[in-house]
Protein backbone atom coordinates (compact mmCIF):
# COMPACT_ATOMS: atom_id res chain seq x y z
CA MET A 1 125.85 44.68 52.65
CA ARG A 2 127.15 48.28 52.04
CA LYS A 3 123.77 48.74 50.62
CA GLN A 4 121.97 48.37 53.09
CA SER A 5 123.50 50.35 56.00
CA VAL A 6 123.57 53.14 53.29
CA THR A 7 119.78 52.59 53.11
CA LYS A 8 119.47 52.50 56.59
CA LEU A 9 121.36 55.66 57.33
CA SER A 10 119.27 56.92 54.58
CA PHE A 11 115.89 56.38 55.67
CA TYR A 12 117.21 57.67 60.07
CA LEU A 13 118.07 61.00 58.07
CA ASN A 14 114.97 61.57 56.69
CA VAL A 15 112.72 60.58 59.76
CA ASP A 16 114.80 63.24 61.62
CA LYS A 17 113.91 65.93 58.89
CA ARG A 18 110.77 64.62 58.99
CA THR A 19 110.42 64.78 63.02
CA GLN A 20 111.79 68.24 62.71
CA MET A 21 110.03 69.62 59.96
CA ASP A 22 106.93 68.41 62.34
CA ASN A 23 108.31 69.98 65.31
CA ARG A 24 109.29 73.12 63.97
CA ASN A 25 105.40 74.26 64.77
CA ASP A 26 104.90 73.52 67.64
CA PRO A 27 105.07 77.21 70.23
CA GLU A 28 106.93 75.69 72.68
CA ASP A 29 110.25 75.36 70.35
CA LYS A 30 110.31 78.86 69.31
CA PRO A 31 113.30 81.27 70.29
CA VAL A 32 112.62 83.48 72.85
CA GLN A 33 113.29 86.84 71.62
CA ARG A 34 115.18 89.64 74.26
CA SER A 35 113.29 92.28 74.64
CA LYS A 36 114.88 95.61 72.76
CA SER A 37 115.88 97.54 76.06
CA PHE A 38 118.03 94.17 76.86
CA SER A 39 121.33 94.72 76.44
CA PHE A 40 124.90 93.57 77.16
CA LYS A 41 126.70 96.78 77.16
CA THR A 42 128.69 97.64 80.28
CA PRO A 43 127.60 101.32 81.90
CA ARG A 44 129.44 103.96 80.15
CA GLU A 45 132.03 105.85 82.48
CA VAL A 46 132.05 109.22 81.49
CA CYS A 47 135.17 112.28 82.73
CA SER A 48 134.06 114.26 85.15
CA SER A 49 136.55 117.12 83.70
CA CYS A 50 135.84 117.12 79.80
CA GLU A 51 132.53 114.77 80.10
CA LYS A 52 133.72 112.07 77.43
CA THR A 53 133.77 108.46 77.24
CA VAL A 54 136.99 106.90 79.51
CA TYR A 55 137.75 103.70 78.94
CA PRO A 56 139.64 101.12 80.90
CA MET A 57 143.16 101.75 80.59
CA GLU A 58 143.10 105.53 81.03
CA ARG A 59 140.24 105.45 84.14
CA LEU A 60 141.51 106.73 87.23
CA VAL A 61 138.80 107.28 90.22
CA ALA A 62 139.67 110.25 92.79
CA ASN A 63 137.08 111.15 95.25
CA ASN A 64 134.52 108.23 93.39
CA LEU A 65 134.70 110.64 90.53
CA ILE A 66 135.82 109.45 87.19
CA PHE A 67 138.27 110.74 84.96
CA HIS A 68 140.77 110.39 82.23
CA SER A 69 144.24 110.16 83.25
CA ALA A 70 145.29 113.77 81.22
CA CYS A 71 142.01 115.22 83.06
CA PHE A 72 143.54 114.53 86.08
CA CYS A 73 144.87 118.33 86.67
CA CYS A 74 145.71 120.61 89.54
CA LYS A 75 142.79 123.57 89.47
CA HIS A 76 146.00 126.22 90.60
CA CYS A 77 148.77 125.42 87.77
CA ASN A 78 146.76 122.31 85.95
CA THR A 79 149.56 119.89 86.53
CA LYS A 80 149.04 116.76 85.71
CA LEU A 81 148.42 115.12 89.01
CA SER A 82 148.48 111.30 90.16
CA LEU A 83 146.39 109.66 93.30
CA GLY A 84 150.08 110.30 95.00
CA THR A 85 150.31 114.30 94.45
CA PHE A 86 146.94 115.37 94.79
CA ALA A 87 144.82 116.65 97.88
CA ALA A 88 141.07 117.55 97.21
CA LEU A 89 138.99 120.07 98.92
CA SER A 90 135.04 120.34 98.47
CA GLY A 91 135.41 118.60 95.08
CA ASP A 92 138.18 120.87 93.54
CA PHE A 93 141.93 118.86 93.45
CA TYR A 94 145.09 120.11 93.76
CA CYS A 95 148.99 119.27 93.47
CA LYS A 96 150.37 119.51 96.99
CA PRO A 97 152.51 122.30 96.71
CA HIS A 98 149.64 124.47 95.39
CA PHE A 99 147.65 123.30 98.01
CA GLN A 100 150.03 124.20 100.94
CA GLN A 101 150.59 127.81 99.70
CA LEU A 102 147.30 128.50 99.46
CA PHE A 103 146.34 127.30 102.67
CA LYS A 104 149.76 129.53 104.14
CA SER A 105 148.28 132.90 102.07
CA LYS A 106 145.35 133.18 104.48
CA GLY A 107 146.32 131.17 107.57
CA ASN A 108 143.20 128.96 106.96
CA TYR A 109 141.30 126.56 104.47
CA ASP A 110 138.28 128.96 103.61
CA GLU A 111 140.00 131.89 103.09
CA GLY A 112 142.71 130.68 101.24
CA PHE A 113 140.84 129.07 98.76
CA GLY A 114 138.32 131.85 98.09
CA ARG A 115 135.37 131.01 99.92
CA LYS A 116 134.23 133.21 103.11
CA GLN A 117 135.55 132.13 106.59
CA HIS A 118 133.75 129.44 108.96
CA LYS A 119 133.55 131.62 111.71
CA GLU A 120 131.15 134.12 109.33
CA LEU A 121 128.96 132.00 108.52
CA TRP A 122 128.13 131.10 112.37
CA THR A 123 128.32 134.26 113.67
CA SER A 124 125.31 135.37 110.78
CA LYS A 125 124.14 132.02 111.48
CA GLU A 126 123.97 133.39 115.21
CA GLY A 127 122.42 136.76 114.26
CA GLU A 128 119.48 135.03 112.70
CA ASN A 129 118.23 132.91 115.49
CA ILE A 130 118.50 136.05 117.83
CA THR A 131 116.28 138.40 115.59
CA LYS A 132 113.75 135.61 114.59
CA THR A 133 113.38 134.82 118.11
CA ALA A 134 113.30 138.46 119.29
């Protein structure tokens, strides 16, 4: 009886191998090839300060910009900043003491941070409009 079951088993195995051999030429069963542009990689994030790759453990996002935690520094004194200790103006980041100091030095954000006063920008535009209409 044992010999009979072994021969039946070998018969089924051989039949299975033959059907596999017959099906390998079937065009429907060929493996699908992915395009070379397809990738499982996540998009590479780059630090806004040093322009090097930022990995998740050192990633910090401030004003929709990505930084290494070590690259997120005050523009004035290069002190390392955190999300609770910075102030931003026109894409520049400052520690809170220097942000206040620069504001107090001129009494407004524009001159304190080295820009033209916004009032001057308005008067120059008004002067241009007057000369164009005349």
